[in-house]
Amino acid sequence: MNFELREGISCCETGGRFLFLDLDRNRYFALAPEAEQAFRRLVARDAPAPEDRARLNGLVQSGLLVPSDWDARPRPCPAP
């Protein structure tokens, strides 16, 4: 499963949660806990849980992630 963040979206991890900024829609948001766990495993390149494919496909449908043909993964912004 290769995905990356859609252009215009960035994220960072703070307080143990991923927070996202969508510049195109001018909003900040977080994910539901189950989707966040699937996203966390994707970022860490951990083995996906059986339910991750459906959750990640949901993030594609929502416009957060886009499929990638190369070995990509979302990259949170580094801490300052």
PDB file of N, CA and C in Angstrom:
ATOM      1  N   MET A   1       0.847  -1.180   0.000  1.00  0.00           N
ATOM      2  CA  MET A   1       0.000   0.000   0.000  1.00  0.00           C
ATOM      3  C   MET A   1       0.888   1.237   0.000  1.00  0.00           C
ATOM      4  N   ASN A   2       0.899   1.964  -1.091  1.00  0.00           N
ATOM      5  CA  ASN A   2       1.675   3.192  -1.191  1.00  0.00           C
ATOM      6  C   ASN A   2       0.726   4.370  -1.341  1.00  0.00           C
ATOM      7  N   PHE A   3       0.813   5.285  -0.406  1.00  0.00           N
ATOM      8  CA  PHE A   3      -0.009   6.487  -0.414  1.00  0.00           C
ATOM      9  C   PHE A   3       0.845   7.665  -0.008  1.00  0.00           C
ATOM     10  N   GLU A   4       0.426   8.834  -0.412  1.00  0.00           N
ATOM     11  CA  GLU A   4       1.038  10.062   0.067  1.00  0.00           C
ATOM     12  C   GLU A   4      -0.067  11.081   0.311  1.00  0.00           C
ATOM     13  N   LEU A   5       0.265  12.135   1.036  1.00  0.00           N
ATOM     14  CA  LEU A   5      -0.708  13.187   1.295  1.00  0.00           C
ATOM     15  C   LEU A   5      -1.027  13.906  -0.009  1.00  0.00           C
ATOM     16  N   ARG A   6      -2.292  14.268  -0.174  1.00  0.00           N
ATOM     17  CA  ARG A   6      -2.698  15.056  -1.335  1.00  0.00           C
ATOM     18  C   ARG A   6      -1.971  16.390  -1.287  1.00  0.00           C
ATOM     19  N   GLU A   7      -1.636  16.928  -2.442  1.00  0.00           N
ATOM     20  CA  GLU A   7      -0.998  18.241  -2.510  1.00  0.00           C
ATOM     21  C   GLU A   7      -1.902  19.255  -1.806  1.00  0.00           C
ATOM     22  N   GLY A   8      -1.296  20.108  -0.997  1.00  0.00           N
ATOM     23  CA  GLY A   8      -2.054  21.108  -0.252  1.00  0.00           C
ATOM     24  C   GLY A   8      -2.375  20.682   1.169  1.00  0.00           C
ATOM     25  N   ILE A   9      -2.031  19.441   1.534  1.00  0.00           N
ATOM     26  CA  ILE A   9      -2.260  18.948   2.896  1.00  0.00           C
ATOM     27  C   ILE A   9      -0.923  18.668   3.549  1.00  0.00           C
ATOM     28  N   SER A  10      -0.789  19.109   4.775  1.00  0.00           N
ATOM     29  CA  SER A  10       0.394  18.781   5.564  1.00  0.00           C
ATOM     30  C   SER A  10      -0.090  18.297   6.927  1.00  0.00           C
ATOM     31  N   CYS A  11       0.800  17.660   7.654  1.00  0.00           N
ATOM     32  CA  CYS A  11       0.423  17.184   8.982  1.00  0.00           C
ATOM     33  C   CYS A  11       1.619  17.240   9.901  1.00  0.00           C
ATOM     34  N   CYS A  12       1.325  17.208  11.183  1.00  0.00           N
ATOM     35  CA  CYS A  12       2.366  17.104  12.200  1.00  0.00           C
ATOM     36  C   CYS A  12       1.800  16.263  13.334  1.00  0.00           C
ATOM     37  N   GLU A  13       2.678  15.739  14.145  1.00  0.00           N
ATOM     38  CA  GLU A  13       2.245  14.988  15.314  1.00  0.00           C
ATOM     39  C   GLU A  13       2.512  15.839  16.544  1.00  0.00           C
ATOM     40  N   THR A  14       1.495  16.026  17.339  1.00  0.00           N
ATOM     41  CA  THR A  14       1.616  16.809  18.559  1.00  0.00           C
ATOM     42  C   THR A  14       0.705  16.205  19.621  1.00  0.00           C
ATOM     43  N   GLY A  15       1.207  16.085  20.815  1.00  0.00           N
ATOM     44  CA  GLY A  15       0.413  15.517  21.890  1.00  0.00           C
ATOM     45  C   GLY A  15      -0.066  14.108  21.612  1.00  0.00           C
ATOM     46  N   GLY A  16       0.700  13.364  20.822  1.00  0.00           N
ATOM     47  CA  GLY A  16       0.330  11.995  20.516  1.00  0.00           C
ATOM     48  C   GLY A  16      -0.736  11.845  19.434  1.00  0.00           C
ATOM     49  N   ARG A  17      -1.109  12.953  18.789  1.00  0.00           N
ATOM     50  CA  ARG A  17      -2.122  12.928  17.724  1.00  0.00           C
ATOM     51  C   ARG A  17      -1.547  13.559  16.463  1.00  0.00           C
ATOM     52  N   PHE A  18      -2.045  13.108  15.318  1.00  0.00           N
ATOM     53  CA  PHE A  18      -1.717  13.762  14.057  1.00  0.00           C
ATOM     54  C   PHE A  18      -2.748  14.853  13.810  1.00  0.00           C
ATOM     55  N   LEU A  19      -2.275  16.041  13.507  1.00  0.00           N
ATOM     56  CA  LEU A  19      -3.133  17.155  13.120  1.00  0.00           C
ATOM     57  C   LEU A  19      -2.806  17.503  11.680  1.00  0.00           C
ATOM     58  N   PHE A  20      -3.830  17.799  10.905  1.00  0.00           N
ATOM     59  CA  PHE A  20      -3.697  18.053   9.481  1.00  0.00           C
ATOM     60  C   PHE A  20      -4.114  19.481   9.165  1.00  0.00           C
ATOM     61  N   LEU A  21      -3.436  20.079   8.202  1.00  0.00           N
ATOM     62  CA  LEU A  21      -3.801  21.386   7.669  1.00  0.00           C
ATOM     63  C   LEU A  21      -4.087  21.191   6.184  1.00  0.00           C
ATOM     64  N   ASP A  22      -5.297  21.537   5.798  1.00  0.00           N
ATOM     65  CA  ASP A  22      -5.712  21.475   4.403  1.00  0.00           C
ATOM     66  C   ASP A  22      -5.774  22.907   3.895  1.00  0.00           C
ATOM     67  N   LEU A  23      -4.744  23.332   3.171  1.00  0.00           N
ATOM     68  CA  LEU A  23      -4.682  24.709   2.679  1.00  0.00           C
ATOM     69  C   LEU A  23      -5.781  25.012   1.674  1.00  0.00           C
ATOM     70  N   ASP A  24      -6.156  24.033   0.854  1.00  0.00           N
ATOM     71  CA  ASP A  24      -7.192  24.252  -0.156  1.00  0.00           C
ATOM     72  C   ASP A  24      -8.558  24.521   0.470  1.00  0.00           C
ATOM     73  N   ARG A  25      -8.836  23.871   1.590  1.00  0.00           N
ATOM     74  CA  ARG A  25     -10.141  24.024   2.253  1.00  0.00           C
ATOM     75  C   ARG A  25     -10.080  24.910   3.488  1.00  0.00           C
ATOM     76  N   ASN A  26      -8.865  25.446   3.774  1.00  0.00           N
ATOM     77  CA  ASN A  26      -8.665  26.384   4.876  1.00  0.00           C
ATOM     78  C   ASN A  26      -9.178  25.816   6.200  1.00  0.00           C
ATOM     79  N   ARG A  27      -8.669  24.630   6.559  1.00  0.00           N
ATOM     80  CA  ARG A  27      -9.116  24.019   7.810  1.00  0.00           C
ATOM     81  C   ARG A  27      -8.041  23.126   8.415  1.00  0.00           C
ATOM     82  N   TYR A  28      -8.112  22.998   9.719  1.00  0.00           N
ATOM     83  CA  TYR A  28      -7.326  22.038  10.487  1.00  0.00           C
ATOM     84  C   TYR A  28      -8.257  20.909  10.875  1.00  0.00           C
ATOM     85  N   PHE A  29      -7.734  19.694  11.014  1.00  0.00           N
ATOM     86  CA  PHE A  29      -8.570  18.594  11.464  1.00  0.00           C
ATOM     87  C   PHE A  29      -7.710  17.445  11.974  1.00  0.00           C
ATOM     88  N   ALA A  30      -8.338  16.530  12.683  1.00  0.00           N
ATOM     89  CA  ALA A  30      -7.722  15.287  13.142  1.00  0.00           C
ATOM     90  C   ALA A  30      -8.571  14.137  12.611  1.00  0.00           C
ATOM     91  N   LEU A  31      -8.035  12.951  12.691  1.00  0.00           N
ATOM     92  CA  LEU A  31      -8.743  11.760  12.214  1.00  0.00           C
ATOM     93  C   LEU A  31      -9.437  11.049  13.376  1.00  0.00           C
ATOM     94  N   ALA A  32     -10.440  10.268  13.041  1.00  0.00           N
ATOM     95  CA  ALA A  32     -11.047   9.374  14.021  1.00  0.00           C
ATOM     96  C   ALA A  32      -9.965   8.405  14.498  1.00  0.00           C
ATOM     97  N   PRO A  33     -10.061   7.927  15.733  1.00  0.00           N
ATOM     98  CA  PRO A  33      -8.990   7.068  16.283  1.00  0.00           C
ATOM     99  C   PRO A  33      -8.616   5.877  15.407  1.00  0.00           C
ATOM    100  N   GLU A  34      -9.589   5.174  14.827  1.00  0.00           N
ATOM    101  CA  GLU A  34      -9.273   3.995  14.008  1.00  0.00           C
ATOM    102  C   GLU A  34      -8.529   4.384  12.737  1.00  0.00           C
ATOM    103  N   ALA A  35      -8.945   5.461  12.104  1.00  0.00           N
ATOM    104  CA  ALA A  35      -8.261   5.934  10.897  1.00  0.00           C
ATOM    105  C   ALA A  35      -6.871   6.440  11.244  1.00  0.00           C
ATOM    106  N   GLU A  36      -6.743   7.092  12.400  1.00  0.00           N
ATOM    107  CA  GLU A  36      -5.428   7.589  12.811  1.00  0.00           C
ATOM    108  C   GLU A  36      -4.448   6.440  13.051  1.00  0.00           C
ATOM    109  N   GLN A  37      -4.915   5.342  13.617  1.00  0.00           N
ATOM    110  CA  GLN A  37      -4.030   4.194  13.833  1.00  0.00           C
ATOM    111  C   GLN A  37      -3.561   3.614  12.504  1.00  0.00           C
ATOM    112  N   ALA A  38      -4.450   3.523  11.518  1.00  0.00           N
ATOM    113  CA  ALA A  38      -4.054   3.037  10.191  1.00  0.00           C
ATOM    114  C   ALA A  38      -3.044   4.002   9.566  1.00  0.00           C
ATOM    115  N   PHE A  39      -3.287   5.307   9.701  1.00  0.00           N
ATOM    116  CA  PHE A  39      -2.370   6.318   9.166  1.00  0.00           C
ATOM    117  C   PHE A  39      -1.015   6.215   9.871  1.00  0.00           C
ATOM    118  N   ARG A  40      -1.028   6.030  11.189  1.00  0.00           N
ATOM    119  CA  ARG A  40       0.218   5.914  11.960  1.00  0.00           C
ATOM    120  C   ARG A  40       1.041   4.718  11.485  1.00  0.00           C
ATOM    121  N   ARG A  41       0.382   3.592  11.257  1.00  0.00           N
ATOM    122  CA  ARG A  41       1.116   2.407  10.758  1.00  0.00           C
ATOM    123  C   ARG A  41       1.681   2.671   9.356  1.00  0.00           C
ATOM    124  N   LEU A  42       0.930   3.382   8.530  1.00  0.00           N
ATOM    125  CA  LEU A  42       1.399   3.725   7.191  1.00  0.00           C
ATOM    126  C   LEU A  42       2.654   4.591   7.258  1.00  0.00           C
ATOM    127  N   VAL A  43       2.621   5.626   8.088  1.00  0.00           N
ATOM    128  CA  VAL A  43       3.765   6.537   8.230  1.00  0.00           C
ATOM    129  C   VAL A  43       4.992   5.783   8.751  1.00  0.00           C
ATOM    130  N   ALA A  44       4.780   4.909   9.730  1.00  0.00           N
ATOM    131  CA  ALA A  44       5.889   4.171  10.352  1.00  0.00           C
ATOM    132  C   ALA A  44       6.352   2.982   9.520  1.00  0.00           C
ATOM    133  N   ARG A  45       5.614   2.683   8.444  1.00  0.00           N
ATOM    134  CA  ARG A  45       5.889   1.508   7.615  1.00  0.00           C
ATOM    135  C   ARG A  45       5.762   0.215   8.410  1.00  0.00           C
ATOM    136  N   ASP A  46       4.871   0.232   9.407  1.00  0.00           N
ATOM    137  CA  ASP A  46       4.573  -0.978  10.169  1.00  0.00           C
ATOM    138  C   ASP A  46       3.674  -1.882   9.337  1.00  0.00           C
ATOM    139  N   ALA A  47       3.629  -3.131   9.701  1.00  0.00           N
ATOM    140  CA  ALA A  47       2.737  -4.060   9.015  1.00  0.00           C
ATOM    141  C   ALA A  47       1.300  -3.587   9.196  1.00  0.00           C
ATOM    142  N   PRO A  48       0.527  -3.525   8.118  1.00  0.00           N
ATOM    143  CA  PRO A  48      -0.856  -3.063   8.246  1.00  0.00           C
ATOM    144  C   PRO A  48      -1.722  -4.077   8.985  1.00  0.00           C
ATOM    145  N   ALA A  49      -2.678  -3.567   9.737  1.00  0.00           N
ATOM    146  CA  ALA A  49      -3.693  -4.419  10.355  1.00  0.00           C
ATOM    147  C   ALA A  49      -4.666  -4.846   9.257  1.00  0.00           C
ATOM    148  N   PRO A  50      -5.397  -5.935   9.461  1.00  0.00           N
ATOM    149  CA  PRO A  50      -6.325  -6.407   8.414  1.00  0.00           C
ATOM    150  C   PRO A  50      -7.328  -5.340   7.967  1.00  0.00           C
ATOM    151  N   GLU A  51      -7.757  -4.480   8.861  1.00  0.00           N
ATOM    152  CA  GLU A  51      -8.757  -3.472   8.522  1.00  0.00           C
ATOM    153  C   GLU A  51      -8.161  -2.194   7.929  1.00  0.00           C
ATOM    154  N   ASP A  52      -6.843  -2.082   7.855  1.00  0.00           N
ATOM    155  CA  ASP A  52      -6.214  -0.841   7.383  1.00  0.00           C
ATOM    156  C   ASP A  52      -6.552  -0.508   5.936  1.00  0.00           C
ATOM    157  N   ARG A  53      -6.635  -1.484   5.073  1.00  0.00           N
ATOM    158  CA  ARG A  53      -6.899  -1.192   3.658  1.00  0.00           C
ATOM    159  C   ARG A  53      -8.210  -0.420   3.505  1.00  0.00           C
ATOM    160  N   ALA A  54      -9.260  -0.840   4.183  1.00  0.00           N
ATOM    161  CA  ALA A  54     -10.542  -0.136   4.090  1.00  0.00           C
ATOM    162  C   ALA A  54     -10.433   1.267   4.675  1.00  0.00           C
ATOM    163  N   ARG A  55      -9.732   1.403   5.776  1.00  0.00           N
ATOM    164  CA  ARG A  55      -9.587   2.723   6.405  1.00  0.00           C
ATOM    165  C   ARG A  55      -8.769   3.661   5.528  1.00  0.00           C
ATOM    166  N   LEU A  56      -7.687   3.167   4.949  1.00  0.00           N
ATOM    167  CA  LEU A  56      -6.865   4.005   4.080  1.00  0.00           C
ATOM    168  C   LEU A  56      -7.602   4.347   2.795  1.00  0.00           C
ATOM    169  N   ASN A  57      -8.382   3.413   2.275  1.00  0.00           N
ATOM    170  CA  ASN A  57      -9.200   3.724   1.101  1.00  0.00           C
ATOM    171  C   ASN A  57     -10.220   4.810   1.430  1.00  0.00           C
ATOM    172  N   GLY A  58     -10.742   4.798   2.654  1.00  0.00           N
ATOM    173  CA  GLY A  58     -11.638   5.867   3.088  1.00  0.00           C
ATOM    174  C   GLY A  58     -10.936   7.217   3.119  1.00  0.00           C
ATOM    175  N   LEU A  59      -9.658   7.228   3.503  1.00  0.00           N
ATOM    176  CA  LEU A  59      -8.888   8.482   3.504  1.00  0.00           C
ATOM    177  C   LEU A  59      -8.601   8.946   2.076  1.00  0.00           C
ATOM    178  N   VAL A  60      -8.493   8.008   1.143  1.00  0.00           N
ATOM    179  CA  VAL A  60      -8.356   8.377  -0.269  1.00  0.00           C
ATOM    180  C   VAL A  60      -9.668   8.998  -0.753  1.00  0.00           C
ATOM    181  N   GLN A  61     -10.779   8.367  -0.434  1.00  0.00           N
ATOM    182  CA  GLN A  61     -12.083   8.884  -0.861  1.00  0.00           C
ATOM    183  C   GLN A  61     -12.376  10.259  -0.276  1.00  0.00           C
ATOM    184  N   SER A  62     -11.879  10.519   0.934  1.00  0.00           N
ATOM    185  CA  SER A  62     -12.113  11.823   1.560  1.00  0.00           C
ATOM    186  C   SER A  62     -11.191  12.903   1.004  1.00  0.00           C
ATOM    187  N   GLY A  63     -10.176  12.488   0.228  1.00  0.00           N
ATOM    188  CA  GLY A  63      -9.263  13.456  -0.365  1.00  0.00           C
ATOM    189  C   GLY A  63      -8.018  13.734   0.450  1.00  0.00           C
ATOM    190  N   LEU A  64      -7.802  13.003   1.523  1.00  0.00           N
ATOM    191  CA  LEU A  64      -6.608  13.207   2.341  1.00  0.00           C
ATOM    192  C   LEU A  64      -5.380  12.564   1.697  1.00  0.00           C
ATOM    193  N   LEU A  65      -5.526  11.323   1.259  1.00  0.00           N
ATOM    194  CA  LEU A  65      -4.422  10.574   0.656  1.00  0.00           C
ATOM    195  C   LEU A  65      -4.658  10.383  -0.830  1.00  0.00           C
ATOM    196  N   VAL A  66      -3.564  10.218  -1.550  1.00  0.00           N
ATOM    197  CA  VAL A  66      -3.627   9.829  -2.952  1.00  0.00           C
ATOM    198  C   VAL A  66      -2.741   8.600  -3.126  1.00  0.00           C
ATOM    199  N   PRO A  67      -3.175   7.633  -3.947  1.00  0.00           N
ATOM    200  CA  PRO A  67      -2.332   6.468  -4.209  1.00  0.00           C
ATOM    201  C   PRO A  67      -1.044   6.904  -4.896  1.00  0.00           C
ATOM    202  N   SER A  68       0.005   6.162  -4.650  1.00  0.00           N
ATOM    203  CA  SER A  68       1.304   6.461  -5.245  1.00  0.00           C
ATOM    204  C   SER A  68       1.849   5.210  -5.909  1.00  0.00           C
ATOM    205  N   ASP A  69       2.458   5.386  -7.075  1.00  0.00           N
ATOM    206  CA  ASP A  69       3.051   4.259  -7.789  1.00  0.00           C
ATOM    207  C   ASP A  69       4.449   3.922  -7.296  1.00  0.00           C
ATOM    208  N   TRP A  70       5.043   4.809  -6.550  1.00  0.00           N
ATOM    209  CA  TRP A  70       6.386   4.548  -6.055  1.00  0.00           C
ATOM    210  C   TRP A  70       6.330   4.331  -4.552  1.00  0.00           C
ATOM    211  N   ASP A  71       7.417   3.971  -3.968  1.00  0.00           N
ATOM    212  CA  ASP A  71       7.471   3.610  -2.556  1.00  0.00           C
ATOM    213  C   ASP A  71       7.387   4.869  -1.689  1.00  0.00           C
ATOM    214  N   ALA A  72       6.219   5.461  -1.681  1.00  0.00           N
ATOM    215  CA  ALA A  72       6.010   6.705  -0.936  1.00  0.00           C
ATOM    216  C   ALA A  72       5.277   6.415   0.358  1.00  0.00           C
ATOM    217  N   ARG A  73       5.323   7.384   1.238  1.00  0.00           N
ATOM    218  CA  ARG A  73       4.519   7.364   2.444  1.00  0.00           C
ATOM    219  C   ARG A  73       4.350   8.801   2.898  1.00  0.00           C
ATOM    220  N   PRO A  74       3.280   9.091   3.614  1.00  0.00           N
ATOM    221  CA  PRO A  74       3.105  10.456   4.119  1.00  0.00           C
ATOM    222  C   PRO A  74       4.252  10.819   5.052  1.00  0.00           C
ATOM    223  N   ARG A  75       4.657  12.063   5.008  1.00  0.00           N
ATOM    224  CA  ARG A  75       5.752  12.544   5.851  1.00  0.00           C
ATOM    225  C   ARG A  75       5.281  13.739   6.658  1.00  0.00           C
ATOM    226  N   PRO A  76       5.107  13.537   7.966  1.00  0.00           N
ATOM    227  CA  PRO A  76       4.732  14.676   8.801  1.00  0.00           C
ATOM    228  C   PRO A  76       5.827  15.729   8.809  1.00  0.00           C
ATOM    229  N   CYS A  77       5.426  16.970   9.026  1.00  0.00           N
ATOM    230  CA  CYS A  77       6.405  18.049   9.157  1.00  0.00           C
ATOM    231  C   CYS A  77       7.270  17.784  10.372  1.00  0.00           C
ATOM    232  N   PRO A  78       8.551  18.063  10.300  1.00  0.00           N
ATOM    233  CA  PRO A  78       9.415  17.854  11.464  1.00  0.00           C
ATOM    234  C   PRO A  78       9.130  18.892  12.540  1.00  0.00           C
ATOM    235  N   ALA A  79       9.372  18.532  13.755  1.00  0.00           N
ATOM    236  CA  ALA A  79       9.210  19.469  14.875  1.00  0.00           C
ATOM    237  C   ALA A  79      10.256  20.573  14.750  1.00  0.00           C
ATOM    238  N   PRO A  80       9.899  21.805  15.141  1.00  0.00           N
ATOM    239  CA  PRO A  80      10.888  22.898  15.038  1.00  0.00           C
ATOM    240  C   PRO A  80      12.017  22.725  16.036  1.00  0.00           C
TER     241      PRO A  80
END
